[in-house]
Amino acid sequence: MIIQMFDYVSDFGGNKDTAKQLRVEKIMPAISKGKKVVLDFADVNGVTQSFVHALIAEAIREFPEEVFELVEFRHCTRDVQVVVEIVAEYMQEGSD
């Protein structure tokens, strides 16, 4: 499944409710079935840390081994990539 993030957030992802909706309705159901999810950030210039946390933290918590095989972040700007890495590292440290 490919999720075009621009369709949900326009050029900036900051709405945690939108992130939660994507997580609940699309990301978690796919991961729980072992299906790959591509989060395509083409044309998205930035995101907040709270947005990314709402988007993927539960998946990292529930599927710590599988999540990084099943969830791919595509076409991220450097700013988006940095925020994703921060959240991923924080969540992995918290699960140790």
PDB file of N, CA and C in Angstrom:
ATOM      1  N   MET A   1       0.842  -1.169   0.000  1.00  0.00           N
ATOM      2  CA  MET A   1       0.000   0.000   0.000  1.00  0.00           C
ATOM      3  C   MET A   1       0.895   1.243   0.000  1.00  0.00           C
ATOM      4  N   ILE A   2       0.593   2.176  -0.875  1.00  0.00           N
ATOM      5  CA  ILE A   2       1.311   3.452  -0.918  1.00  0.00           C
ATOM      6  C   ILE A   2       0.358   4.543  -0.452  1.00  0.00           C
ATOM      7  N   ILE A   3       0.808   5.301   0.540  1.00  0.00           N
ATOM      8  CA  ILE A   3       0.032   6.424   1.046  1.00  0.00           C
ATOM      9  C   ILE A   3       0.728   7.704   0.607  1.00  0.00           C
ATOM     10  N   GLN A   4       0.071   8.463  -0.233  1.00  0.00           N
ATOM     11  CA  GLN A   4       0.608   9.745  -0.693  1.00  0.00           C
ATOM     12  C   GLN A   4       0.329  10.776   0.408  1.00  0.00           C
ATOM     13  N   MET A   5       1.330  11.070   1.188  1.00  0.00           N
ATOM     14  CA  MET A   5       1.139  11.927   2.367  1.00  0.00           C
ATOM     15  C   MET A   5       0.647  13.330   1.989  1.00  0.00           C
ATOM     16  N   PHE A   6       1.057  13.834   0.836  1.00  0.00           N
ATOM     17  CA  PHE A   6       0.611  15.167   0.415  1.00  0.00           C
ATOM     18  C   PHE A   6      -0.913  15.239   0.331  1.00  0.00           C
ATOM     19  N   ASP A   7      -1.541  14.143  -0.047  1.00  0.00           N
ATOM     20  CA  ASP A   7      -2.999  14.112  -0.154  1.00  0.00           C
ATOM     21  C   ASP A   7      -3.679  14.345   1.190  1.00  0.00           C
ATOM     22  N   TYR A   8      -2.974  14.047   2.269  1.00  0.00           N
ATOM     23  CA  TYR A   8      -3.544  14.178   3.617  1.00  0.00           C
ATOM     24  C   TYR A   8      -3.068  15.422   4.356  1.00  0.00           C
ATOM     25  N   VAL A   9      -1.830  15.863   4.054  1.00  0.00           N
ATOM     26  CA  VAL A   9      -1.241  16.943   4.857  1.00  0.00           C
ATOM     27  C   VAL A   9      -0.841  18.169   4.052  1.00  0.00           C
ATOM     28  N   SER A  10      -1.003  18.128   2.760  1.00  0.00           N
ATOM     29  CA  SER A  10      -0.519  19.191   1.888  1.00  0.00           C
ATOM     30  C   SER A  10       1.001  19.269   2.049  1.00  0.00           C
ATOM     31  N   ASP A  11       1.568  20.452   2.153  1.00  0.00           N
ATOM     32  CA  ASP A  11       3.033  20.525   2.179  1.00  0.00           C
ATOM     33  C   ASP A  11       3.633  20.472   3.580  1.00  0.00           C
ATOM     34  N   PHE A  12       2.789  20.368   4.635  1.00  0.00           N
ATOM     35  CA  PHE A  12       3.325  20.305   6.002  1.00  0.00           C
ATOM     36  C   PHE A  12       2.459  19.403   6.873  1.00  0.00           C
ATOM     37  N   GLY A  13       3.079  18.400   7.470  1.00  0.00           N
ATOM     38  CA  GLY A  13       2.380  17.481   8.354  1.00  0.00           C
ATOM     39  C   GLY A  13       2.491  17.914   9.794  1.00  0.00           C
ATOM     40  N   GLY A  14       1.407  18.450  10.324  1.00  0.00           N
ATOM     41  CA  GLY A  14       1.430  18.904  11.705  1.00  0.00           C
ATOM     42  C   GLY A  14       0.198  18.525  12.496  1.00  0.00           C
ATOM     43  N   ASN A  15      -0.817  18.006  11.834  1.00  0.00           N
ATOM     44  CA  ASN A  15      -2.080  17.697  12.507  1.00  0.00           C
ATOM     45  C   ASN A  15      -2.030  16.264  13.048  1.00  0.00           C
ATOM     46  N   LYS A  16      -1.961  16.140  14.372  1.00  0.00           N
ATOM     47  CA  LYS A  16      -1.867  14.820  14.998  1.00  0.00           C
ATOM     48  C   LYS A  16      -3.116  13.977  14.750  1.00  0.00           C
ATOM     49  N   ASP A  17      -4.265  14.622  14.607  1.00  0.00           N
ATOM     50  CA  ASP A  17      -5.492  13.865  14.339  1.00  0.00           C
ATOM     51  C   ASP A  17      -5.444  13.190  12.975  1.00  0.00           C
ATOM     52  N   THR A  18      -4.867  13.878  12.006  1.00  0.00           N
ATOM     53  CA  THR A  18      -4.695  13.285  10.678  1.00  0.00           C
ATOM     54  C   THR A  18      -3.739  12.099  10.759  1.00  0.00           C
ATOM     55  N   ALA A  19      -2.648  12.271  11.492  1.00  0.00           N
ATOM     56  CA  ALA A  19      -1.679  11.185  11.658  1.00  0.00           C
ATOM     57  C   ALA A  19      -2.328   9.986  12.334  1.00  0.00           C
ATOM     58  N   LYS A  20      -3.109  10.250  13.370  1.00  0.00           N
ATOM     59  CA  LYS A  20      -3.780   9.163  14.082  1.00  0.00           C
ATOM     60  C   LYS A  20      -4.750   8.435  13.158  1.00  0.00           C
ATOM     61  N   GLN A  21      -5.499   9.175  12.369  1.00  0.00           N
ATOM     62  CA  GLN A  21      -6.448   8.565  11.438  1.00  0.00           C
ATOM     63  C   GLN A  21      -5.717   7.644  10.449  1.00  0.00           C
ATOM     64  N   LEU A  22      -4.611   8.114   9.906  1.00  0.00           N
ATOM     65  CA  LEU A  22      -3.827   7.281   8.988  1.00  0.00           C
ATOM     66  C   LEU A  22      -3.313   6.034   9.700  1.00  0.00           C
ATOM     67  N   ARG A  23      -2.840   6.217  10.917  1.00  0.00           N
ATOM     68  CA  ARG A  23      -2.315   5.086  11.684  1.00  0.00           C
ATOM     69  C   ARG A  23      -3.403   4.047  11.937  1.00  0.00           C
ATOM     70  N   VAL A  24      -4.542   4.500  12.417  1.00  0.00           N
ATOM     71  CA  VAL A  24      -5.627   3.586  12.799  1.00  0.00           C
ATOM     72  C   VAL A  24      -6.279   2.933  11.588  1.00  0.00           C
ATOM     73  N   GLU A  25      -6.532   3.711  10.548  1.00  0.00           N
ATOM     74  CA  GLU A  25      -7.287   3.202   9.405  1.00  0.00           C
ATOM     75  C   GLU A  25      -6.446   2.503   8.345  1.00  0.00           C
ATOM     76  N   LYS A  26      -5.172   2.850   8.247  1.00  0.00           N
ATOM     77  CA  LYS A  26      -4.370   2.303   7.151  1.00  0.00           C
ATOM     78  C   LYS A  26      -3.111   1.581   7.610  1.00  0.00           C
ATOM     79  N   ILE A  27      -2.285   2.253   8.420  1.00  0.00           N
ATOM     80  CA  ILE A  27      -0.965   1.702   8.752  1.00  0.00           C
ATOM     81  C   ILE A  27      -1.061   0.456   9.622  1.00  0.00           C
ATOM     82  N   MET A  28      -1.735   0.558  10.758  1.00  0.00           N
ATOM     83  CA  MET A  28      -1.795  -0.576  11.680  1.00  0.00           C
ATOM     84  C   MET A  28      -2.501  -1.792  11.085  1.00  0.00           C
ATOM     85  N   PRO A  29      -3.641  -1.619  10.394  1.00  0.00           N
ATOM     86  CA  PRO A  29      -4.261  -2.810   9.790  1.00  0.00           C
ATOM     87  C   PRO A  29      -3.344  -3.512   8.782  1.00  0.00           C
ATOM     88  N   ALA A  30      -2.623  -2.740   7.992  1.00  0.00           N
ATOM     89  CA  ALA A  30      -1.721  -3.344   7.003  1.00  0.00           C
ATOM     90  C   ALA A  30      -0.578  -4.083   7.691  1.00  0.00           C
ATOM     91  N   ILE A  31       0.062  -3.440   8.662  1.00  0.00           N
ATOM     92  CA  ILE A  31       1.192  -4.065   9.351  1.00  0.00           C
ATOM     93  C   ILE A  31       0.750  -5.334  10.077  1.00  0.00           C
ATOM     94  N   SER A  32      -0.406  -5.271  10.707  1.00  0.00           N
ATOM     95  CA  SER A  32      -0.877  -6.444  11.453  1.00  0.00           C
ATOM     96  C   SER A  32      -1.114  -7.647  10.532  1.00  0.00           C
ATOM     97  N   LYS A  33      -1.296  -7.383   9.241  1.00  0.00           N
ATOM     98  CA  LYS A  33      -1.452  -8.463   8.256  1.00  0.00           C
ATOM     99  C   LYS A  33      -0.140  -8.781   7.547  1.00  0.00           C
ATOM    100  N   GLY A  34       0.945  -8.117   7.967  1.00  0.00           N
ATOM    101  CA  GLY A  34       2.248  -8.360   7.350  1.00  0.00           C
ATOM    102  C   GLY A  34       2.427  -7.700   6.005  1.00  0.00           C
ATOM    103  N   LYS A  35       1.612  -6.705   5.708  1.00  0.00           N
ATOM    104  CA  LYS A  35       1.692  -6.021   4.418  1.00  0.00           C
ATOM    105  C   LYS A  35       2.579  -4.781   4.520  1.00  0.00           C
ATOM    106  N   LYS A  36       3.272  -4.491   3.434  1.00  0.00           N
ATOM    107  CA  LYS A  36       4.166  -3.330   3.373  1.00  0.00           C
ATOM    108  C   LYS A  36       3.364  -2.041   3.191  1.00  0.00           C
ATOM    109  N   VAL A  37       3.810  -0.998   3.883  1.00  0.00           N
ATOM    110  CA  VAL A  37       3.204   0.327   3.776  1.00  0.00           C
ATOM    111  C   VAL A  37       4.297   1.306   3.352  1.00  0.00           C
ATOM    112  N   VAL A  38       4.054   2.026   2.277  1.00  0.00           N
ATOM    113  CA  VAL A  38       4.977   3.057   1.824  1.00  0.00           C
ATOM    114  C   VAL A  38       4.348   4.412   2.143  1.00  0.00           C
ATOM    115  N   LEU A  39       5.038   5.197   2.960  1.00  0.00           N
ATOM    116  CA  LEU A  39       4.610   6.557   3.267  1.00  0.00           C
ATOM    117  C   LEU A  39       5.403   7.477   2.348  1.00  0.00           C
ATOM    118  N   ASP A  40       4.755   7.937   1.300  1.00  0.00           N
ATOM    119  CA  ASP A  40       5.425   8.737   0.274  1.00  0.00           C
ATOM    120  C   ASP A  40       5.242  10.220   0.598  1.00  0.00           C
ATOM    121  N   PHE A  41       6.342  10.861   0.968  1.00  0.00           N
ATOM    122  CA  PHE A  41       6.321  12.263   1.386  1.00  0.00           C
ATOM    123  C   PHE A  41       6.676  13.223   0.246  1.00  0.00           C
ATOM    124  N   ALA A  42       6.480  12.816  -0.995  1.00  0.00           N
ATOM    125  CA  ALA A  42       6.744  13.702  -2.128  1.00  0.00           C
ATOM    126  C   ALA A  42       5.951  14.999  -1.959  1.00  0.00           C
ATOM    127  N   ASP A  43       6.621  16.125  -2.135  1.00  0.00           N
ATOM    128  CA  ASP A  43       6.043  17.467  -2.050  1.00  0.00           C
ATOM    129  C   ASP A  43       5.658  17.898  -0.639  1.00  0.00           C
ATOM    130  N   VAL A  44       5.988  17.100   0.374  1.00  0.00           N
ATOM    131  CA  VAL A  44       5.787  17.503   1.770  1.00  0.00           C
ATOM    132  C   VAL A  44       7.113  18.084   2.242  1.00  0.00           C
ATOM    133  N   ASN A  45       7.098  19.356   2.644  1.00  0.00           N
ATOM    134  CA  ASN A  45       8.337  20.045   3.003  1.00  0.00           C
ATOM    135  C   ASN A  45       8.753  19.863   4.446  1.00  0.00           C
ATOM    136  N   GLY A  46       7.801  19.560   5.317  1.00  0.00           N
ATOM    137  CA  GLY A  46       8.149  19.412   6.720  1.00  0.00           C
ATOM    138  C   GLY A  46       7.052  18.712   7.499  1.00  0.00           C
ATOM    139  N   VAL A  47       7.430  18.241   8.686  1.00  0.00           N
ATOM    140  CA  VAL A  47       6.504  17.590   9.611  1.00  0.00           C
ATOM    141  C   VAL A  47       6.933  17.945  11.030  1.00  0.00           C
ATOM    142  N   THR A  48       5.984  17.875  11.950  1.00  0.00           N
ATOM    143  CA  THR A  48       6.351  18.055  13.350  1.00  0.00           C
ATOM    144  C   THR A  48       6.696  16.696  13.945  1.00  0.00           C
ATOM    145  N   GLN A  49       7.447  16.738  15.029  1.00  0.00           N
ATOM    146  CA  GLN A  49       7.791  15.512  15.723  1.00  0.00           C
ATOM    147  C   GLN A  49       6.530  14.841  16.268  1.00  0.00           C
ATOM    148  N   SER A  50       5.592  15.627  16.749  1.00  0.00           N
ATOM    149  CA  SER A  50       4.357  15.046  17.290  1.00  0.00           C
ATOM    150  C   SER A  50       3.528  14.376  16.190  1.00  0.00           C
ATOM    151  N   PHE A  51       3.564  14.904  14.974  1.00  0.00           N
ATOM    152  CA  PHE A  51       2.865  14.282  13.850  1.00  0.00           C
ATOM    153  C   PHE A  51       3.452  12.906  13.561  1.00  0.00           C
ATOM    154  N   VAL A  52       4.765  12.831  13.446  1.00  0.00           N
ATOM    155  CA  VAL A  52       5.415  11.556  13.134  1.00  0.00           C
ATOM    156  C   VAL A  52       5.212  10.573  14.284  1.00  0.00           C
ATOM    157  N   HIS A  53       5.276  11.063  15.507  1.00  0.00           N
ATOM    158  CA  HIS A  53       5.042  10.193  16.665  1.00  0.00           C
ATOM    159  C   HIS A  53       3.637   9.596  16.591  1.00  0.00           C
ATOM    160  N   ALA A  54       2.641  10.431  16.324  1.00  0.00           N
ATOM    161  CA  ALA A  54       1.261   9.945  16.207  1.00  0.00           C
ATOM    162  C   ALA A  54       1.106   8.984  15.033  1.00  0.00           C
ATOM    163  N   LEU A  55       1.916   9.146  14.019  1.00  0.00           N
ATOM    164  CA  LEU A  55       1.840   8.320  12.812  1.00  0.00           C
ATOM    165  C   LEU A  55       2.420   6.923  13.022  1.00  0.00           C
ATOM    166  N   ILE A  56       3.566   6.824  13.708  1.00  0.00           N
ATOM    167  CA  ILE A  56       4.274   5.527  13.729  1.00  0.00           C
ATOM    168  C   ILE A  56       4.630   4.970  15.094  1.00  0.00           C
ATOM    169  N   ALA A  57       4.488   5.731  16.174  1.00  0.00           N
ATOM    170  CA  ALA A  57       4.951   5.246  17.481  1.00  0.00           C
ATOM    171  C   ALA A  57       4.263   3.949  17.901  1.00  0.00           C
ATOM    172  N   GLU A  58       2.969   3.874  17.712  1.00  0.00           N
ATOM    173  CA  GLU A  58       2.244   2.663  18.099  1.00  0.00           C
ATOM    174  C   GLU A  58       2.730   1.457  17.305  1.00  0.00           C
ATOM    175  N   ALA A  59       3.003   1.653  16.037  1.00  0.00           N
ATOM    176  CA  ALA A  59       3.501   0.558  15.195  1.00  0.00           C
ATOM    177  C   ALA A  59       4.863   0.079  15.690  1.00  0.00           C
ATOM    178  N   ILE A  60       5.726   0.998  16.087  1.00  0.00           N
ATOM    179  CA  ILE A  60       7.049   0.628  16.603  1.00  0.00           C
ATOM    180  C   ILE A  60       6.896  -0.128  17.913  1.00  0.00           C
ATOM    181  N   ARG A  61       5.990   0.325  18.762  1.00  0.00           N
ATOM    182  CA  ARG A  61       5.745  -0.326  20.048  1.00  0.00           C
ATOM    183  C   ARG A  61       5.183  -1.738  19.870  1.00  0.00           C
ATOM    184  N   GLU A  62       4.209  -1.885  19.001  1.00  0.00           N
ATOM    185  CA  GLU A  62       3.534  -3.173  18.846  1.00  0.00           C
ATOM    186  C   GLU A  62       4.279  -4.159  17.950  1.00  0.00           C
ATOM    187  N   PHE A  63       5.007  -3.654  16.976  1.00  0.00           N
ATOM    188  CA  PHE A  63       5.707  -4.507  16.019  1.00  0.00           C
ATOM    189  C   PHE A  63       7.172  -4.075  15.892  1.00  0.00           C
ATOM    190  N   PRO A  64       7.933  -4.116  16.999  1.00  0.00           N
ATOM    191  CA  PRO A  64       9.298  -3.560  16.970  1.00  0.00           C
ATOM    192  C   PRO A  64      10.226  -4.228  15.970  1.00  0.00           C
ATOM    193  N   GLU A  65      10.041  -5.497  15.722  1.00  0.00           N
ATOM    194  CA  GLU A  65      10.915  -6.203  14.781  1.00  0.00           C
ATOM    195  C   GLU A  65      10.495  -5.967  13.331  1.00  0.00           C
ATOM    196  N   GLU A  66       9.199  -5.983  13.090  1.00  0.00           N
ATOM    197  CA  GLU A  66       8.691  -5.952  11.724  1.00  0.00           C
ATOM    198  C   GLU A  66       8.542  -4.557  11.147  1.00  0.00           C
ATOM    199  N   VAL A  67       8.345  -3.569  12.002  1.00  0.00           N
ATOM    200  CA  VAL A  67       7.927  -2.253  11.511  1.00  0.00           C
ATOM    201  C   VAL A  67       8.903  -1.653  10.498  1.00  0.00           C
ATOM    202  N   PHE A  68      10.195  -1.808  10.722  1.00  0.00           N
ATOM    203  CA  PHE A  68      11.145  -1.179   9.814  1.00  0.00           C
ATOM    204  C   PHE A  68      11.356  -1.984   8.536  1.00  0.00           C
ATOM    205  N   GLU A  69      10.818  -3.192   8.499  1.00  0.00           N
ATOM    206  CA  GLU A  69      10.799  -3.956   7.257  1.00  0.00           C
ATOM    207  C   GLU A  69       9.528  -3.656   6.465  1.00  0.00           C
ATOM    208  N   LEU A  70       8.453  -3.354   7.187  1.00  0.00           N
ATOM    209  CA  LEU A  70       7.150  -3.191   6.542  1.00  0.00           C
ATOM    210  C   LEU A  70       6.771  -1.743   6.244  1.00  0.00           C
ATOM    211  N   VAL A  71       7.386  -0.793   6.924  1.00  0.00           N
ATOM    212  CA  VAL A  71       7.068   0.622   6.694  1.00  0.00           C
ATOM    213  C   VAL A  71       8.260   1.293   6.032  1.00  0.00           C
ATOM    214  N   GLU A  72       8.014   1.872   4.874  1.00  0.00           N
ATOM    215  CA  GLU A  72       9.063   2.574   4.136  1.00  0.00           C
ATOM    216  C   GLU A  72       8.685   4.048   4.008  1.00  0.00           C
ATOM    217  N   PHE A  73       9.639   4.892   4.294  1.00  0.00           N
ATOM    218  CA  PHE A  73       9.470   6.337   4.123  1.00  0.00           C
ATOM    219  C   PHE A  73      10.153   6.718   2.819  1.00  0.00           C
ATOM    220  N   ARG A  74       9.375   7.276   1.902  1.00  0.00           N
ATOM    221  CA  ARG A  74       9.888   7.552   0.563  1.00  0.00           C
ATOM    222  C   ARG A  74       9.787   9.048   0.263  1.00  0.00           C
ATOM    223  N   HIS A  75      10.737   9.543  -0.501  1.00  0.00           N
ATOM    224  CA  HIS A  75      10.774  10.926  -0.992  1.00  0.00           C
ATOM    225  C   HIS A  75      10.734  11.957   0.140  1.00  0.00           C
ATOM    226  N   CYS A  76      11.436  11.667   1.215  1.00  0.00           N
ATOM    227  CA  CYS A  76      11.489  12.608   2.345  1.00  0.00           C
ATOM    228  C   CYS A  76      12.521  13.693   2.086  1.00  0.00           C
ATOM    229  N   THR A  77      12.160  14.936   2.419  1.00  0.00           N
ATOM    230  CA  THR A  77      13.175  15.982   2.438  1.00  0.00           C
ATOM    231  C   THR A  77      14.108  15.674   3.597  1.00  0.00           C
ATOM    232  N   ARG A  78      15.223  16.356   3.647  1.00  0.00           N
ATOM    233  CA  ARG A  78      16.160  16.156   4.757  1.00  0.00           C
ATOM    234  C   ARG A  78      15.473  16.479   6.085  1.00  0.00           C
ATOM    235  N   ASP A  79      14.677  17.540   6.131  1.00  0.00           N
ATOM    236  CA  ASP A  79      13.976  17.920   7.361  1.00  0.00           C
ATOM    237  C   ASP A  79      13.019  16.826   7.826  1.00  0.00           C
ATOM    238  N   VAL A  80      12.264  16.260   6.903  1.00  0.00           N
ATOM    239  CA  VAL A  80      11.331  15.185   7.248  1.00  0.00           C
ATOM    240  C   VAL A  80      12.106  13.963   7.719  1.00  0.00           C
ATOM    241  N   GLN A  81      13.172  13.628   7.022  1.00  0.00           N
ATOM    242  CA  GLN A  81      13.980  12.469   7.371  1.00  0.00           C
ATOM    243  C   GLN A  81      14.539  12.590   8.785  1.00  0.00           C
ATOM    244  N   VAL A  82      15.025  13.776   9.137  1.00  0.00           N
ATOM    245  CA  VAL A  82      15.581  13.992  10.471  1.00  0.00           C
ATOM    246  C   VAL A  82      14.523  13.746  11.549  1.00  0.00           C
ATOM    247  N   VAL A  83      13.318  14.258  11.346  1.00  0.00           N
ATOM    248  CA  VAL A  83      12.253  14.086  12.328  1.00  0.00           C
ATOM    249  C   VAL A  83      11.875  12.613  12.447  1.00  0.00           C
ATOM    250  N   VAL A  84      11.762  11.914  11.341  1.00  0.00           N
ATOM    251  CA  VAL A  84      11.445  10.486  11.370  1.00  0.00           C
ATOM    252  C   VAL A  84      12.520   9.730  12.144  1.00  0.00           C
ATOM    253  N   GLU A  85      13.776  10.038  11.884  1.00  0.00           N
ATOM    254  CA  GLU A  85      14.871   9.366  12.583  1.00  0.00           C
ATOM    255  C   GLU A  85      14.838   9.635  14.080  1.00  0.00           C
ATOM    256  N   ILE A  86      14.543  10.866  14.471  1.00  0.00           N
ATOM    257  CA  ILE A  86      14.462  11.218  15.889  1.00  0.00           C
ATOM    258  C   ILE A  86      13.375  10.389  16.573  1.00  0.00           C
ATOM    259  N   VAL A  87      12.206  10.342  15.979  1.00  0.00           N
ATOM    260  CA  VAL A  87      11.094   9.593  16.577  1.00  0.00           C
ATOM    261  C   VAL A  87      11.421   8.104  16.627  1.00  0.00           C
ATOM    262  N   ALA A  88      11.967   7.558  15.552  1.00  0.00           N
ATOM    263  CA  ALA A  88      12.297   6.134  15.518  1.00  0.00           C
ATOM    264  C   ALA A  88      13.332   5.788  16.591  1.00  0.00           C
ATOM    265  N   GLU A  89      14.368   6.607  16.716  1.00  0.00           N
ATOM    266  CA  GLU A  89      15.402   6.355  17.725  1.00  0.00           C
ATOM    267  C   GLU A  89      14.831   6.462  19.129  1.00  0.00           C
ATOM    268  N   TYR A  90      14.018   7.461  19.375  1.00  0.00           N
ATOM    269  CA  TYR A  90      13.392   7.652  20.688  1.00  0.00           C
ATOM    270  C   TYR A  90      12.527   6.441  21.049  1.00  0.00           C
ATOM    271  N   MET A  91      11.737   5.976  20.112  1.00  0.00           N
ATOM    272  CA  MET A  91      10.856   4.843  20.379  1.00  0.00           C
ATOM    273  C   MET A  91      11.649   3.563  20.593  1.00  0.00           C
ATOM    274  N   GLN A  92      12.717   3.366  19.864  1.00  0.00           N
ATOM    275  CA  GLN A  92      13.534   2.167  20.031  1.00  0.00           C
ATOM    276  C   GLN A  92      14.241   2.198  21.383  1.00  0.00           C
ATOM    277  N   GLU A  93      14.723   3.347  21.803  1.00  0.00           N
ATOM    278  CA  GLU A  93      15.363   3.459  23.105  1.00  0.00           C
ATOM    279  C   GLU A  93      14.385   3.177  24.217  1.00  0.00           C
ATOM    280  N   GLY A  94      13.151   3.637  24.044  1.00  0.00           N
ATOM    281  CA  GLY A  94      12.125   3.424  25.059  1.00  0.00           C
ATOM    282  C   GLY A  94      11.689   1.989  25.193  1.00  0.00           C
ATOM    283  N   SER A  95      11.942   1.175  24.171  1.00  0.00           N
ATOM    284  CA  SER A  95      11.509  -0.216  24.220  1.00  0.00           C
ATOM    285  C   SER A  95      12.595  -1.145  24.763  1.00  0.00           C
ATOM    286  N   ASP A  96      13.766  -0.613  25.018  1.00  0.00           N
ATOM    287  CA  ASP A  96      14.858  -1.453  25.569  1.00  0.00           C
ATOM    288  C   ASP A  96      14.649  -1.793  27.026  1.00  0.00           C
TER     289      ASP A  96
END
